[in-house]
Amino acid sequence: MELLPYRREDEADLIRFLTRVDLTLSGLDGVGIRIWIDRGDDGAIRGTTGYELSDDRRHALIRSVAVDPSGRREGRGTMLARAALARATADGARTAWLFSRRSGPFWQRLGFQPADRDELAHRLSNTHQVALFRRTGKLNHEIAWSRPLEVMRR
């Protein structure tokens, strides 16, 4: 798997992919968001991963971790999630957070535990996803998860 940083010319493909897998599009071109794309030999997006950092860089909001439905059950999602966690750690983050209503068991296998949604929103108030969820009233319906980043489980 070769992860390439998101570039402006990837925008149309990325929007189509994230829409198809039902993930948030907010802030894809924002300054603080980091997104990586895994493309197949045919150029189609096979997966994505990314995060946004808090202003103090100690907290990362993991987002846009997705695998094309045709490639699921191959461990690709775990590799993508671990890539985001490792890169967020290298960027100085000490706690990873995310919203997930559907994939709790997946994230729990990676060490995430249920978290306080309001604490997530407070610590990551500068992120596009938190701003979107506040603006649209979705924040109160989201499920938050977190885990420390000092120790990566294998």
N, C-alpha and C. Protein backbone atom coordinates (compact mmCIF):
# COMPACT_ATOMS: atom_id res chain seq x y z
N MET A 1 0.85 -1.18 0.00
CA MET A 1 0.00 0.00 0.00
C MET A 1 0.89 1.23 0.00
N GLU A 2 0.67 2.09 -0.98
CA GLU A 2 1.41 3.35 -1.04
C GLU A 2 0.45 4.49 -0.80
N LEU A 3 0.67 5.20 0.31
CA LEU A 3 -0.18 6.33 0.65
C LEU A 3 0.45 7.61 0.12
N LEU A 4 -0.32 8.31 -0.68
CA LEU A 4 0.13 9.57 -1.25
C LEU A 4 -0.65 10.72 -0.63
N PRO A 5 0.02 11.82 -0.30
CA PRO A 5 -0.69 12.95 0.28
C PRO A 5 -1.75 13.49 -0.70
N TYR A 6 -2.86 13.90 -0.13
CA TYR A 6 -3.93 14.51 -0.92
C TYR A 6 -3.41 15.77 -1.61
N ARG A 7 -3.76 15.90 -2.89
CA ARG A 7 -3.43 17.10 -3.66
C ARG A 7 -4.72 17.66 -4.24
N ARG A 8 -4.72 18.89 -4.58
CA ARG A 8 -5.92 19.55 -5.12
C ARG A 8 -6.47 18.80 -6.32
N GLU A 9 -5.61 18.23 -7.15
CA GLU A 9 -6.09 17.51 -8.34
C GLU A 9 -6.78 16.19 -8.00
N ASP A 10 -6.69 15.76 -6.73
CA ASP A 10 -7.38 14.55 -6.27
C ASP A 10 -8.81 14.85 -5.81
N GLU A 11 -9.16 16.12 -5.74
CA GLU A 11 -10.41 16.52 -5.09
C GLU A 11 -11.65 15.81 -5.62
N ALA A 12 -11.87 15.78 -6.92
CA ALA A 12 -13.09 15.17 -7.47
C ALA A 12 -13.16 13.68 -7.14
N ASP A 13 -12.05 12.97 -7.30
CA ASP A 13 -12.02 11.54 -6.97
C ASP A 13 -12.26 11.32 -5.48
N LEU A 14 -11.64 12.14 -4.65
CA LEU A 14 -11.78 11.99 -3.20
C LEU A 14 -13.22 12.25 -2.76
N ILE A 15 -13.83 13.28 -3.30
CA ILE A 15 -15.22 13.58 -2.95
C ILE A 15 -16.13 12.43 -3.36
N ARG A 16 -15.94 11.89 -4.55
CA ARG A 16 -16.76 10.75 -5.00
C ARG A 16 -16.56 9.55 -4.07
N PHE A 17 -15.31 9.27 -3.73
CA PHE A 17 -15.01 8.12 -2.87
C PHE A 17 -15.63 8.29 -1.49
N LEU A 18 -15.37 9.43 -0.83
CA LEU A 18 -15.88 9.63 0.52
C LEU A 18 -17.41 9.68 0.55
N THR A 19 -18.02 10.20 -0.51
CA THR A 19 -19.48 10.19 -0.60
C THR A 19 -19.98 8.76 -0.69
N ARG A 20 -19.34 7.95 -1.49
CA ARG A 20 -19.75 6.56 -1.68
C ARG A 20 -19.65 5.76 -0.38
N VAL A 21 -18.64 6.05 0.45
CA VAL A 21 -18.48 5.32 1.70
C VAL A 21 -19.11 6.05 2.88
N ASP A 22 -19.84 7.13 2.59
CA ASP A 22 -20.64 7.87 3.57
C ASP A 22 -19.82 8.50 4.68
N LEU A 23 -18.73 9.19 4.30
CA LEU A 23 -17.92 9.91 5.27
C LEU A 23 -18.00 11.41 5.02
N THR A 24 -17.67 12.18 6.04
CA THR A 24 -17.75 13.63 6.02
C THR A 24 -16.78 14.24 5.01
N LEU A 25 -17.27 15.23 4.28
CA LEU A 25 -16.45 15.94 3.28
C LEU A 25 -15.90 17.26 3.81
N SER A 26 -16.34 17.68 4.96
CA SER A 26 -16.00 19.00 5.49
C SER A 26 -14.51 19.22 5.62
N GLY A 27 -14.05 20.34 5.07
CA GLY A 27 -12.68 20.78 5.28
C GLY A 27 -11.60 20.06 4.53
N LEU A 28 -11.94 19.30 3.50
CA LEU A 28 -10.92 18.53 2.79
C LEU A 28 -9.77 19.40 2.29
N ASP A 29 -10.07 20.65 1.97
CA ASP A 29 -9.03 21.54 1.48
C ASP A 29 -8.52 22.48 2.57
N GLY A 30 -8.90 22.22 3.82
CA GLY A 30 -8.49 23.07 4.93
C GLY A 30 -7.01 22.96 5.23
N VAL A 31 -6.47 24.01 5.79
CA VAL A 31 -5.05 24.09 6.09
C VAL A 31 -4.62 23.00 7.08
N GLY A 32 -5.41 22.73 8.09
CA GLY A 32 -4.99 21.81 9.15
C GLY A 32 -5.28 20.35 8.91
N ILE A 33 -5.92 20.02 7.82
CA ILE A 33 -6.28 18.62 7.60
C ILE A 33 -5.20 17.92 6.79
N ARG A 34 -4.94 16.69 7.19
CA ARG A 34 -3.95 15.87 6.49
C ARG A 34 -4.68 14.62 6.01
N ILE A 35 -4.66 14.39 4.71
CA ILE A 35 -5.33 13.24 4.11
C ILE A 35 -4.33 12.52 3.20
N TRP A 36 -4.37 11.20 3.23
CA TRP A 36 -3.57 10.38 2.33
C TRP A 36 -4.49 9.45 1.56
N ILE A 37 -4.09 9.14 0.35
CA ILE A 37 -4.90 8.33 -0.56
C ILE A 37 -4.09 7.12 -1.01
N ASP A 38 -4.77 5.97 -1.04
CA ASP A 38 -4.20 4.74 -1.58
C ASP A 38 -4.93 4.46 -2.89
N ARG A 39 -4.21 4.47 -3.99
CA ARG A 39 -4.81 4.21 -5.30
C ARG A 39 -4.35 2.85 -5.83
N GLY A 40 -5.26 2.19 -6.53
CA GLY A 40 -4.92 0.92 -7.16
C GLY A 40 -4.14 1.16 -8.43
N ASP A 41 -3.71 0.08 -9.06
CA ASP A 41 -2.97 0.16 -10.32
C ASP A 41 -3.78 0.86 -11.41
N ASP A 42 -5.10 0.77 -11.30
CA ASP A 42 -5.98 1.42 -12.28
C ASP A 42 -6.21 2.90 -11.98
N GLY A 43 -5.63 3.40 -10.88
CA GLY A 43 -5.78 4.80 -10.51
C GLY A 43 -6.97 5.08 -9.61
N ALA A 44 -7.84 4.11 -9.43
CA ALA A 44 -9.02 4.30 -8.57
C ALA A 44 -8.60 4.33 -7.10
N ILE A 45 -9.29 5.13 -6.31
CA ILE A 45 -9.01 5.18 -4.88
C ILE A 45 -9.46 3.88 -4.24
N ARG A 46 -8.53 3.24 -3.52
CA ARG A 46 -8.84 2.00 -2.78
C ARG A 46 -9.05 2.28 -1.30
N GLY A 47 -8.50 3.41 -0.83
CA GLY A 47 -8.65 3.75 0.58
C GLY A 47 -8.12 5.14 0.87
N THR A 48 -8.53 5.64 2.02
CA THR A 48 -8.08 6.97 2.46
C THR A 48 -7.86 6.93 3.97
N THR A 49 -7.09 7.87 4.44
CA THR A 49 -6.87 8.03 5.88
C THR A 49 -6.46 9.47 6.15
N GLY A 50 -6.68 9.93 7.37
CA GLY A 50 -6.28 11.29 7.68
C GLY A 50 -6.61 11.71 9.09
N TYR A 51 -6.29 12.96 9.39
CA TYR A 51 -6.57 13.53 10.70
C TYR A 51 -6.45 15.04 10.65
N GLU A 52 -6.97 15.66 11.70
CA GLU A 52 -6.81 17.09 11.95
C GLU A 52 -6.23 17.23 13.34
N LEU A 53 -5.36 18.19 13.55
CA LEU A 53 -4.75 18.42 14.86
C LEU A 53 -5.44 19.57 15.58
N SER A 54 -5.43 19.49 16.91
CA SER A 54 -5.90 20.61 17.73
C SER A 54 -4.90 21.75 17.60
N ASP A 55 -5.31 22.92 18.06
CA ASP A 55 -4.42 24.07 17.99
C ASP A 55 -3.10 23.83 18.74
N ASP A 56 -3.16 23.09 19.85
CA ASP A 56 -1.93 22.83 20.61
C ASP A 56 -1.19 21.58 20.11
N ARG A 57 -1.72 20.94 19.09
CA ARG A 57 -1.13 19.78 18.43
C ARG A 57 -1.04 18.53 19.31
N ARG A 58 -1.68 18.55 20.46
CA ARG A 58 -1.63 17.41 21.38
C ARG A 58 -2.76 16.42 21.12
N HIS A 59 -3.75 16.83 20.34
CA HIS A 59 -4.92 15.99 20.08
C HIS A 59 -5.13 15.88 18.57
N ALA A 60 -5.44 14.68 18.12
CA ALA A 60 -5.69 14.45 16.69
C ALA A 60 -7.11 13.90 16.54
N LEU A 61 -7.84 14.47 15.60
CA LEU A 61 -9.15 13.94 15.23
C LEU A 61 -8.93 13.06 14.00
N ILE A 62 -9.01 11.76 14.20
CA ILE A 62 -8.82 10.80 13.11
C ILE A 62 -10.08 10.84 12.24
N ARG A 63 -9.88 10.93 10.94
CA ARG A 63 -11.03 11.01 10.04
C ARG A 63 -10.67 10.53 8.65
N SER A 64 -11.70 10.27 7.89
CA SER A 64 -11.55 9.86 6.49
C SER A 64 -10.84 8.52 6.34
N VAL A 65 -10.91 7.66 7.35
CA VAL A 65 -10.35 6.31 7.24
C VAL A 65 -11.42 5.45 6.58
N ALA A 66 -11.15 5.04 5.35
CA ALA A 66 -12.14 4.28 4.59
C ALA A 66 -11.45 3.37 3.59
N VAL A 67 -12.12 2.25 3.32
CA VAL A 67 -11.65 1.28 2.34
C VAL A 67 -12.76 1.07 1.33
N ASP A 68 -12.39 0.99 0.06
CA ASP A 68 -13.38 0.68 -0.96
C ASP A 68 -14.06 -0.64 -0.60
N PRO A 69 -15.38 -0.71 -0.71
CA PRO A 69 -16.08 -1.94 -0.33
C PRO A 69 -15.53 -3.21 -0.98
N SER A 70 -15.00 -3.11 -2.17
CA SER A 70 -14.46 -4.30 -2.85
C SER A 70 -13.18 -4.82 -2.21
N GLY A 71 -12.53 -4.00 -1.37
CA GLY A 71 -11.27 -4.40 -0.77
C GLY A 71 -11.34 -4.61 0.73
N ARG A 72 -12.54 -4.69 1.26
CA ARG A 72 -12.68 -4.88 2.70
C ARG A 72 -12.36 -6.32 3.10
N ARG A 73 -12.08 -6.50 4.37
CA ARG A 73 -11.75 -7.81 4.95
C ARG A 73 -10.36 -8.29 4.54
N GLU A 74 -9.51 -7.36 4.10
CA GLU A 74 -8.14 -7.70 3.71
C GLU A 74 -7.12 -7.07 4.66
N GLY A 75 -7.58 -6.40 5.71
CA GLY A 75 -6.68 -5.74 6.64
C GLY A 75 -6.29 -4.33 6.23
N ARG A 76 -6.80 -3.88 5.12
CA ARG A 76 -6.44 -2.55 4.61
C ARG A 76 -6.91 -1.44 5.56
N GLY A 77 -8.10 -1.58 6.13
CA GLY A 77 -8.61 -0.56 7.05
C GLY A 77 -7.71 -0.41 8.26
N THR A 78 -7.24 -1.53 8.80
CA THR A 78 -6.33 -1.48 9.95
C THR A 78 -5.04 -0.78 9.56
N MET A 79 -4.50 -1.10 8.40
CA MET A 79 -3.26 -0.45 7.95
C MET A 79 -3.46 1.06 7.78
N LEU A 80 -4.59 1.45 7.21
CA LEU A 80 -4.88 2.87 7.02
C LEU A 80 -5.03 3.59 8.35
N ALA A 81 -5.75 2.97 9.28
CA ALA A 81 -5.93 3.59 10.60
C ALA A 81 -4.59 3.72 11.32
N ARG A 82 -3.79 2.66 11.28
CA ARG A 82 -2.48 2.71 11.94
C ARG A 82 -1.58 3.78 11.31
N ALA A 83 -1.69 3.97 10.01
CA ALA A 83 -0.89 5.01 9.34
C ALA A 83 -1.27 6.39 9.88
N ALA A 84 -2.57 6.65 10.01
CA ALA A 84 -3.00 7.95 10.55
C ALA A 84 -2.53 8.12 11.99
N LEU A 85 -2.64 7.08 12.80
CA LEU A 85 -2.21 7.16 14.20
C LEU A 85 -0.71 7.41 14.30
N ALA A 86 0.08 6.72 13.49
CA ALA A 86 1.53 6.90 13.53
C ALA A 86 1.93 8.31 13.08
N ARG A 87 1.28 8.79 12.04
CA ARG A 87 1.63 10.13 11.55
C ARG A 87 1.17 11.22 12.51
N ALA A 88 0.02 11.02 13.14
CA ALA A 88 -0.44 11.99 14.13
C ALA A 88 0.52 12.02 15.32
N THR A 89 0.98 10.85 15.74
CA THR A 89 1.96 10.77 16.83
C THR A 89 3.24 11.50 16.44
N ALA A 90 3.71 11.27 15.23
CA ALA A 90 4.92 11.95 14.76
C ALA A 90 4.74 13.46 14.69
N ASP A 91 3.49 13.91 14.49
CA ASP A 91 3.19 15.35 14.46
C ASP A 91 3.02 15.94 15.86
N GLY A 92 3.17 15.11 16.90
CA GLY A 92 3.12 15.61 18.26
C GLY A 92 1.85 15.29 19.04
N ALA A 93 0.87 14.69 18.40
CA ALA A 93 -0.37 14.36 19.10
C ALA A 93 -0.12 13.28 20.15
N ARG A 94 -0.80 13.40 21.27
CA ARG A 94 -0.69 12.42 22.35
C ARG A 94 -2.00 11.69 22.62
N THR A 95 -3.09 12.20 22.05
CA THR A 95 -4.38 11.53 22.17
C THR A 95 -5.07 11.58 20.82
N ALA A 96 -5.60 10.44 20.42
CA ALA A 96 -6.38 10.37 19.18
C ALA A 96 -7.86 10.29 19.55
N TRP A 97 -8.67 10.98 18.79
CA TRP A 97 -10.11 11.02 18.98
C TRP A 97 -10.77 10.75 17.64
N LEU A 98 -11.99 10.30 17.66
CA LEU A 98 -12.76 10.16 16.43
C LEU A 98 -14.24 10.04 16.74
N PHE A 99 -15.03 10.27 15.72
CA PHE A 99 -16.47 10.04 15.78
C PHE A 99 -16.75 8.78 14.96
N SER A 100 -17.56 7.88 15.51
CA SER A 100 -18.00 6.73 14.73
C SER A 100 -19.27 6.15 15.35
N ARG A 101 -20.32 6.16 14.56
CA ARG A 101 -21.57 5.55 15.00
C ARG A 101 -21.65 4.09 14.58
N ARG A 102 -20.92 3.70 13.54
CA ARG A 102 -21.07 2.35 12.97
C ARG A 102 -19.89 1.42 13.20
N SER A 103 -18.71 1.94 13.45
CA SER A 103 -17.50 1.11 13.43
C SER A 103 -16.82 0.97 14.78
N GLY A 104 -17.58 1.06 15.85
CA GLY A 104 -16.99 0.95 17.18
C GLY A 104 -16.12 -0.28 17.39
N PRO A 105 -16.61 -1.48 17.03
CA PRO A 105 -15.77 -2.68 17.24
C PRO A 105 -14.42 -2.62 16.51
N PHE A 106 -14.42 -2.06 15.30
CA PHE A 106 -13.16 -1.90 14.55
C PHE A 106 -12.20 -1.02 15.35
N TRP A 107 -12.68 0.13 15.82
CA TRP A 107 -11.82 1.06 16.53
C TRP A 107 -11.41 0.49 17.89
N GLN A 108 -12.26 -0.26 18.54
CA GLN A 108 -11.89 -0.86 19.82
C GLN A 108 -10.73 -1.84 19.64
N ARG A 109 -10.69 -2.56 18.54
CA ARG A 109 -9.57 -3.47 18.28
C ARG A 109 -8.26 -2.70 18.14
N LEU A 110 -8.34 -1.42 17.85
CA LEU A 110 -7.14 -0.58 17.74
C LEU A 110 -6.88 0.21 19.02
N GLY A 111 -7.57 -0.16 20.09
CA GLY A 111 -7.30 0.46 21.39
C GLY A 111 -8.17 1.64 21.76
N PHE A 112 -9.14 1.99 20.94
CA PHE A 112 -10.03 3.10 21.26
C PHE A 112 -11.08 2.67 22.26
N GLN A 113 -11.46 3.61 23.12
CA GLN A 113 -12.51 3.40 24.11
C GLN A 113 -13.57 4.48 23.94
N PRO A 114 -14.80 4.22 24.35
CA PRO A 114 -15.82 5.28 24.30
C PRO A 114 -15.32 6.52 25.04
N ALA A 115 -15.64 7.68 24.50
CA ALA A 115 -15.14 8.94 25.07
C ALA A 115 -16.29 9.93 25.21
N ASP A 116 -16.03 10.98 25.94
CA ASP A 116 -17.00 12.04 26.12
C ASP A 116 -17.02 12.93 24.88
N ARG A 117 -18.14 12.97 24.21
CA ARG A 117 -18.31 13.73 22.98
C ARG A 117 -18.03 15.22 23.21
N ASP A 118 -18.47 15.76 24.35
CA ASP A 118 -18.25 17.18 24.62
C ASP A 118 -16.78 17.49 24.87
N GLU A 119 -16.07 16.55 25.49
CA GLU A 119 -14.63 16.76 25.68
C GLU A 119 -13.92 16.76 24.33
N LEU A 120 -14.29 15.82 23.45
CA LEU A 120 -13.73 15.80 22.10
C LEU A 120 -13.97 17.14 21.42
N ALA A 121 -15.21 17.61 21.46
CA ALA A 121 -15.56 18.87 20.80
C ALA A 121 -14.80 20.05 21.40
N HIS A 122 -14.54 20.01 22.69
CA HIS A 122 -13.78 21.09 23.34
C HIS A 122 -12.31 21.05 22.92
N ARG A 123 -11.70 19.88 23.01
CA ARG A 123 -10.28 19.76 22.70
C ARG A 123 -9.97 19.97 21.22
N LEU A 124 -10.93 19.66 20.36
CA LEU A 124 -10.72 19.76 18.91
C LEU A 124 -11.69 20.77 18.29
N SER A 125 -11.98 21.83 19.03
CA SER A 125 -12.97 22.82 18.58
C SER A 125 -12.58 23.52 17.29
N ASN A 126 -11.29 23.53 16.96
CA ASN A 126 -10.82 24.20 15.76
C ASN A 126 -10.97 23.34 14.49
N THR A 127 -11.38 22.09 14.63
CA THR A 127 -11.42 21.21 13.46
C THR A 127 -12.67 21.41 12.63
N HIS A 128 -12.55 21.12 11.35
CA HIS A 128 -13.67 21.28 10.42
C HIS A 128 -14.82 20.36 10.77
N GLN A 129 -14.51 19.13 11.15
CA GLN A 129 -15.57 18.17 11.43
C GLN A 129 -16.38 18.57 12.66
N VAL A 130 -15.73 19.02 13.72
CA VAL A 130 -16.45 19.47 14.91
C VAL A 130 -17.30 20.69 14.57
N ALA A 131 -16.74 21.63 13.83
CA ALA A 131 -17.50 22.82 13.43
C ALA A 131 -18.73 22.43 12.62
N LEU A 132 -18.57 21.51 11.68
CA LEU A 132 -19.70 21.05 10.87
C LEU A 132 -20.77 20.41 11.74
N PHE A 133 -20.37 19.51 12.63
CA PHE A 133 -21.35 18.82 13.47
C PHE A 133 -22.07 19.79 14.41
N ARG A 134 -21.38 20.81 14.89
CA ARG A 134 -22.05 21.83 15.73
C ARG A 134 -23.04 22.62 14.89
N ARG A 135 -22.60 23.05 13.72
CA ARG A 135 -23.43 23.89 12.85
C ARG A 135 -24.69 23.16 12.38
N THR A 136 -24.59 21.89 12.13
CA THR A 136 -25.72 21.13 11.60
C THR A 136 -26.55 20.44 12.68
N GLY A 137 -26.13 20.53 13.94
CA GLY A 137 -26.85 19.88 15.03
C GLY A 137 -26.57 18.39 15.14
N LYS A 138 -25.59 17.88 14.40
CA LYS A 138 -25.27 16.45 14.43
C LYS A 138 -24.40 16.05 15.62
N LEU A 139 -23.77 17.02 16.27
CA LEU A 139 -22.84 16.69 17.33
C LEU A 139 -23.48 15.82 18.41
N ASN A 140 -24.71 16.15 18.81
CA ASN A 140 -25.37 15.41 19.88
C ASN A 140 -25.75 13.98 19.49
N HIS A 141 -25.62 13.64 18.22
CA HIS A 141 -25.96 12.30 17.75
C HIS A 141 -24.73 11.45 17.46
N GLU A 142 -23.56 12.04 17.61
CA GLU A 142 -22.32 11.33 17.30
C GLU A 142 -21.83 10.55 18.51
N ILE A 143 -21.06 9.51 18.24
CA ILE A 143 -20.43 8.70 19.29
C ILE A 143 -18.93 8.96 19.20
N ALA A 144 -18.35 9.35 20.32
CA ALA A 144 -16.92 9.70 20.38
C ALA A 144 -16.11 8.53 20.92
N TRP A 145 -14.86 8.45 20.45
CA TRP A 145 -13.91 7.43 20.86
C TRP A 145 -12.56 8.11 21.04
N SER A 146 -11.71 7.56 21.91
CA SER A 146 -10.36 8.10 22.06
C SER A 146 -9.40 7.00 22.52
N ARG A 147 -8.13 7.32 22.37
CA ARG A 147 -7.06 6.44 22.86
C ARG A 147 -5.78 7.25 22.96
N PRO A 148 -4.92 6.89 23.92
CA PRO A 148 -3.62 7.55 23.99
C PRO A 148 -2.75 7.10 22.83
N LEU A 149 -1.81 7.95 22.44
CA LEU A 149 -0.94 7.63 21.32
C LEU A 149 0.48 7.26 21.72
N GLU A 150 0.81 7.36 23.00
CA GLU A 150 2.18 7.03 23.41
C GLU A 150 2.53 5.58 23.11
N VAL A 151 1.58 4.69 23.23
CA VAL A 151 1.83 3.28 23.03
C VAL A 151 0.94 2.79 21.90
N MET A 152 1.56 2.35 20.82
CA MET A 152 0.81 1.80 19.69
C MET A 152 0.74 0.29 19.87
N ARG A 153 -0.47 -0.24 19.90
CA ARG A 153 -0.63 -1.71 19.97
C ARG A 153 -0.39 -2.33 18.62
N ARG A 154 0.19 -3.49 18.62
CA ARG A 154 0.44 -4.22 17.35
C ARG A 154 -0.62 -5.22 17.10
